[in-house]
Amino acid sequence: MKQTDHPPAPTAAQINANRENAKKSTGPRTAAGKEASSRNGLKHGLSGDKHILPGENPEEFLLLVKDLYDNLRPVGLGEEKLVQRIAADQWRLDRTLPMEAAIYRQCLEAVAARDYTRKRELVNHKRNHERNPEIPPAPAPPDPGDRLTRAFIVDGDGRNSLTRLARYETSIERSIDRCLRQLKAFQAARNTPHPAGPEPPEAAETKPETAHQPVPAPPETEDYEANPKDDGQTHNPAQQPAETADRTEARGAKPPAETPVPAQPSPALP
């Protein structure tokens, strides 16, 4: 008979039978069955979206939520969601203490089993030493007060559950701290008064329009105008005839003759 590594392909009859059987298996139908099946993947309940686990009291969770609402006083949907997140994280954080105690109980059971085996070995070793003194004496038994320490060592040598639990605990505490800081920021922004906008400028007083008045000319003085061609000397119209006469005499020309004033006849005496 020829053997192959691949399984034989299903026949058409097997495929149809499988489809008919799948129609009959629809999963849980009742509410209790659906609630139980929703927790099939639950491992420790420290990071899941289910707040209430089997064996926990829902009323205690509601009391925790109410207490946080009364103390934090959220306003608005955003602040309420932060308070609900804090309540869920605090509920998960409260699970870590009993879980830590349960881990130590299991580790202590392993320590007790090791102590029993070691005790029997010490008894045999002591008997052999009595028979043959060349055999070194049996070591001292472990101190009963060190059982918790040895339980921690047992966990570290095995699954290291305590370290993983501490890591989950730290992550939950950081989530609570982050939500609290964000909630305080929202509340501070809500309670801070908004600065008022710029006030409208006051209406300027209307003044009656005055008729346009010409700008008065500046008064004429002796040094009113300076001619740049005269080396900065001031120009005075009253001194212009005298300066013209001086210039004419310097050139050898006669000054202009003065116009004679006609004599007025004296009035006749009576």
Protein backbone atom coordinates (compact mmCIF):
# COMPACT_ATOMS: atom_id res chain seq x y z
CA MET A 1 0.00 0.00 0.00
CA LYS A 2 1.35 3.36 -1.01
CA GLN A 3 1.72 5.78 1.91
CA THR A 4 1.86 9.54 1.53
CA ASP A 5 2.53 12.33 3.98
CA HIS A 6 -0.58 14.30 2.96
CA PRO A 7 -3.95 13.30 4.43
CA PRO A 8 -6.62 12.23 1.97
CA ALA A 9 -8.90 14.96 0.66
CA PRO A 10 -12.43 14.91 2.14
CA THR A 11 -15.17 13.68 -0.07
CA ALA A 12 -18.23 15.68 -1.04
CA ALA A 13 -20.38 13.65 1.37
CA GLN A 14 -18.05 14.45 4.27
CA ILE A 15 -18.09 18.15 3.45
CA ASN A 16 -21.90 18.24 3.34
CA ALA A 17 -22.14 16.31 6.63
CA ASN A 18 -19.74 18.74 8.26
CA ARG A 19 -21.84 21.69 7.13
CA GLU A 20 -25.00 20.14 8.54
CA ASN A 21 -23.34 19.49 11.87
CA ALA A 22 -22.05 23.08 12.01
CA LYS A 23 -25.61 24.40 11.67
CA LYS A 24 -26.61 22.47 14.80
CA SER A 25 -23.74 23.92 16.90
CA THR A 26 -24.71 27.57 17.42
CA GLY A 27 -22.95 28.10 20.75
CA PRO A 28 -24.64 29.23 23.97
CA ARG A 29 -28.18 30.52 23.58
CA THR A 30 -29.13 31.56 27.10
CA ALA A 31 -27.87 34.72 28.79
CA ALA A 32 -26.03 32.71 31.43
CA GLY A 33 -24.31 30.59 28.79
CA LYS A 34 -23.23 33.64 26.80
CA GLU A 35 -21.92 35.29 29.97
CA ALA A 36 -19.89 32.18 30.81
CA SER A 37 -18.48 31.82 27.30
CA SER A 38 -17.41 35.47 27.26
CA ARG A 39 -14.90 34.64 30.01
CA ASN A 40 -13.27 31.68 28.28
CA GLY A 41 -10.11 33.67 27.57
CA LEU A 42 -9.89 35.15 31.09
CA LYS A 43 -6.53 34.55 32.77
CA HIS A 44 -5.99 36.94 35.67
CA GLY A 45 -8.45 39.81 35.22
CA LEU A 46 -5.79 42.55 35.50
CA SER A 47 -5.99 43.81 31.92
CA GLY A 48 -9.40 42.68 30.68
CA ASP A 49 -12.45 44.79 29.87
CA LYS A 50 -14.67 42.95 32.36
CA HIS A 51 -14.89 44.81 35.64
CA ILE A 52 -16.77 42.17 37.63
CA LEU A 53 -15.36 38.64 37.77
CA PRO A 54 -17.06 35.54 39.16
CA GLY A 55 -17.04 35.69 42.95
CA GLU A 56 -16.86 39.51 43.09
CA ASN A 57 -19.67 41.67 44.43
CA PRO A 58 -21.05 44.15 41.85
CA GLU A 59 -22.42 46.38 44.61
CA GLU A 60 -18.92 46.99 45.93
CA PHE A 61 -17.83 48.20 42.51
CA LEU A 62 -20.82 50.54 42.32
CA LEU A 63 -19.96 51.90 45.77
CA LEU A 64 -16.42 52.55 44.58
CA VAL A 65 -17.71 54.44 41.54
CA LYS A 66 -20.09 56.51 43.67
CA ASP A 67 -17.34 57.37 46.15
CA LEU A 68 -15.05 58.56 43.33
CA TYR A 69 -17.87 60.63 41.80
CA ASP A 70 -18.52 62.30 45.16
CA ASN A 71 -14.85 63.10 45.75
CA LEU A 72 -13.72 64.07 42.25
CA ARG A 73 -17.00 65.74 41.14
CA PRO A 74 -16.66 65.31 37.36
CA VAL A 75 -18.53 67.63 35.01
CA GLY A 76 -19.14 66.66 31.41
CA LEU A 77 -18.68 63.46 29.48
CA GLY A 78 -14.89 63.70 29.28
CA GLU A 79 -14.38 64.02 33.04
CA GLU A 80 -16.93 61.27 33.75
CA LYS A 81 -15.06 58.85 31.48
CA LEU A 82 -11.83 59.60 33.33
CA VAL A 83 -13.50 58.89 36.68
CA GLN A 84 -14.90 55.61 35.34
CA ARG A 85 -11.43 54.66 34.11
CA ILE A 86 -9.99 55.42 37.53
CA ALA A 87 -12.68 53.27 39.18
CA ALA A 88 -11.94 50.33 36.86
CA ASP A 89 -8.18 50.62 37.44
CA GLN A 90 -8.64 50.85 41.20
CA TRP A 91 -10.89 47.78 41.11
CA ARG A 92 -8.16 45.84 39.26
CA LEU A 93 -5.50 47.13 41.62
CA ASP A 94 -7.44 45.82 44.63
CA ARG A 95 -7.14 42.31 43.15
CA THR A 96 -3.36 42.28 43.35
CA LEU A 97 -3.14 41.89 47.15
CA PRO A 98 -5.18 38.66 47.39
CA MET A 99 -3.46 37.38 44.24
CA GLU A 100 -0.05 37.99 45.81
CA ALA A 101 -1.14 36.13 48.93
CA ALA A 102 -2.39 33.21 46.81
CA ILE A 103 0.94 33.03 44.95
CA TYR A 104 2.82 32.89 48.24
CA ARG A 105 0.51 30.14 49.53
CA GLN A 106 1.31 27.98 46.52
CA CYS A 107 5.01 28.68 46.84
CA LEU A 108 4.88 27.84 50.55
CA GLU A 109 3.34 24.50 49.71
CA ALA A 110 6.31 23.82 47.42
CA VAL A 111 8.65 24.89 50.21
CA ALA A 112 6.92 22.51 52.62
CA ALA A 113 7.34 19.64 50.15
CA ARG A 114 11.04 20.44 49.77
CA ASP A 115 11.48 20.67 53.53
CA TYR A 116 9.91 17.23 53.98
CA THR A 117 12.25 15.71 51.39
CA ARG A 118 15.23 17.45 52.91
CA LYS A 119 14.29 16.33 56.40
CA ARG A 120 14.28 12.71 55.32
CA GLU A 121 17.66 13.20 53.67
CA LEU A 122 19.05 14.67 56.89
CA VAL A 123 17.78 11.70 58.89
CA ASN A 124 19.48 9.26 56.51
CA HIS A 125 22.64 11.34 56.50
CA LYS A 126 22.72 11.39 60.30
CA ARG A 127 22.26 7.59 60.44
CA ASN A 128 25.11 7.08 57.96
CA HIS A 129 27.36 9.39 59.96
CA GLU A 130 26.70 7.38 63.10
CA ARG A 131 27.63 4.18 61.28
CA ASN A 132 30.67 5.67 59.62
CA PRO A 133 32.27 8.60 61.42
CA GLU A 134 34.34 9.41 58.34
CA ILE A 135 31.18 10.74 56.68
CA PRO A 136 30.77 14.46 57.51
CA PRO A 137 27.87 15.33 59.79
CA ALA A 138 24.53 16.37 58.36
CA PRO A 139 24.00 20.13 57.75
CA ALA A 140 21.67 22.09 59.97
CA PRO A 141 18.00 22.15 58.95
CA PRO A 142 16.64 25.38 57.44
CA ASP A 143 15.29 28.05 59.75
CA PRO A 144 11.45 27.99 59.90
CA GLY A 145 11.44 31.79 59.82
CA ASP A 146 12.89 31.77 56.31
CA ARG A 147 9.96 29.98 54.74
CA LEU A 148 8.61 33.17 53.09
CA THR A 149 12.01 33.97 51.63
CA ARG A 150 12.38 30.46 50.30
CA ALA A 151 8.88 30.74 48.83
CA PHE A 152 9.99 33.84 46.90
CA ILE A 153 13.07 31.96 45.68
CA VAL A 154 10.89 29.07 44.57
CA ASP A 155 8.71 31.43 42.55
CA GLY A 156 11.78 33.08 41.00
CA ASP A 157 13.15 29.71 39.96
CA GLY A 158 9.81 28.76 38.42
CA ARG A 159 7.15 30.87 36.75
CA ASN A 160 8.26 34.14 38.36
CA SER A 161 4.62 35.04 39.02
CA LEU A 162 5.36 37.63 41.72
CA THR A 163 7.52 39.69 39.36
CA ARG A 164 4.87 39.66 36.66
CA LEU A 165 2.21 40.61 39.21
CA ALA A 166 4.33 43.56 40.35
CA ARG A 167 4.68 44.66 36.73
CA TYR A 168 0.90 44.62 36.28
CA GLU A 169 0.50 46.52 39.52
CA THR A 170 2.91 49.24 38.42
CA SER A 171 1.14 49.60 35.08
CA ILE A 172 -2.25 50.02 36.77
CA GLU A 173 -0.88 52.61 39.21
CA ARG A 174 0.56 54.62 36.32
CA SER A 175 -2.80 54.53 34.56
CA ILE A 176 -4.55 55.88 37.67
CA ASP A 177 -1.96 58.63 38.09
CA ARG A 178 -2.25 59.62 34.43
CA CYS A 179 -6.04 59.81 34.61
CA LEU A 180 -5.92 61.88 37.80
CA ARG A 181 -3.49 64.40 36.28
CA GLN A 182 -5.62 64.71 33.16
CA LEU A 183 -8.77 65.14 35.25
CA LYS A 184 -7.14 67.89 37.32
CA ALA A 185 -6.07 69.64 34.12
CA PHE A 186 -9.64 69.54 32.79
CA GLN A 187 -11.04 70.87 36.06
CA ALA A 188 -8.45 73.64 36.26
CA ALA A 189 -9.26 74.74 32.71
CA ARG A 190 -12.97 74.65 33.52
CA ASN A 191 -12.64 76.70 36.73
CA THR A 192 -10.27 79.30 35.28
CA PRO A 193 -12.23 82.36 34.13
CA HIS A 194 -11.76 83.24 30.52
CA PRO A 195 -10.14 86.65 29.90
CA ALA A 196 -12.58 89.32 28.77
CA GLY A 197 -12.29 90.54 25.20
CA PRO A 198 -11.05 94.03 24.31
CA GLU A 199 -13.52 96.71 25.24
CA PRO A 200 -14.89 98.79 22.34
CA PRO A 201 -13.22 102.19 22.08
CA GLU A 202 -15.21 105.07 23.43
CA ALA A 203 -16.98 107.17 20.89
CA ALA A 204 -14.96 110.20 20.07
CA GLU A 205 -16.61 113.50 20.87
CA THR A 206 -17.84 115.13 17.70
CA LYS A 207 -16.63 118.66 17.21
CA PRO A 208 -18.42 121.24 14.98
CA GLU A 209 -16.77 121.66 11.68
CA THR A 210 -15.12 125.07 11.26
CA ALA A 211 -14.65 126.94 8.02
CA HIS A 212 -11.37 126.44 6.35
CA GLN A 213 -9.04 129.26 7.31
CA PRO A 214 -5.93 130.04 5.31
CA VAL A 215 -2.64 129.48 7.03
CA PRO A 216 -1.12 132.92 7.88
CA ALA A 217 2.21 133.70 6.25
CA PRO A 218 5.22 134.02 8.56
CA PRO A 219 6.18 137.62 9.48
CA GLU A 220 8.86 139.26 7.40
CA THR A 221 11.96 140.24 9.34
CA GLU A 222 15.29 141.67 8.39
CA ASP A 223 16.80 138.21 8.03
CA TYR A 224 13.70 136.72 6.45
CA GLU A 225 15.36 135.42 3.33
CA ALA A 226 18.94 134.68 2.49
CA ASN A 227 20.32 134.56 -1.01
CA PRO A 228 22.81 131.74 -1.47
CA LYS A 229 24.62 133.71 -4.20
CA ASP A 230 25.46 136.52 -1.73
CA ASP A 231 27.46 134.20 0.54
CA GLY A 232 24.65 133.78 3.00
CA GLN A 233 23.96 137.55 3.34
CA THR A 234 20.40 138.44 4.17
CA HIS A 235 18.22 140.12 1.61
CA ASN A 236 16.53 143.32 2.80
CA PRO A 237 14.32 145.18 0.30
CA ALA A 238 14.81 148.52 2.14
CA GLN A 239 18.56 148.48 1.50
CA GLN A 240 18.32 147.61 -2.21
CA PRO A 241 18.48 151.27 -3.63
CA ALA A 242 21.58 152.16 -1.57
CA GLU A 243 23.37 149.01 -2.63
CA THR A 244 22.47 149.72 -6.28
CA ALA A 245 23.89 153.27 -6.06
CA ASP A 246 27.14 152.00 -4.56
CA ARG A 247 27.52 149.50 -7.33
CA THR A 248 26.86 152.25 -10.00
CA GLU A 249 29.48 154.61 -8.54
CA ALA A 250 31.97 151.79 -8.46
CA ARG A 251 31.45 151.23 -12.19
CA GLY A 252 31.90 155.00 -13.00
CA ALA A 253 28.33 155.66 -14.06
CA LYS A 254 26.20 158.52 -12.92
CA PRO A 255 23.44 157.82 -10.57
CA PRO A 256 19.96 158.40 -11.92
CA ALA A 257 18.79 162.03 -11.68
CA GLU A 258 16.19 162.81 -9.13
CA THR A 259 12.86 164.06 -10.40
CA PRO A 260 12.36 167.75 -9.38
CA VAL A 261 9.33 168.41 -7.27
CA PRO A 262 7.31 171.42 -8.66
CA ALA A 263 6.96 174.33 -6.27
CA GLN A 264 3.47 175.04 -5.11
CA PRO A 265 2.34 178.73 -5.22
CA SER A 266 1.81 180.30 -1.89
CA PRO A 267 -1.70 181.47 -1.15
CA ALA A 268 -2.48 185.22 -1.82
CA LEU A 269 -2.93 187.40 1.16
CA PRO A 270 -6.14 189.46 1.40
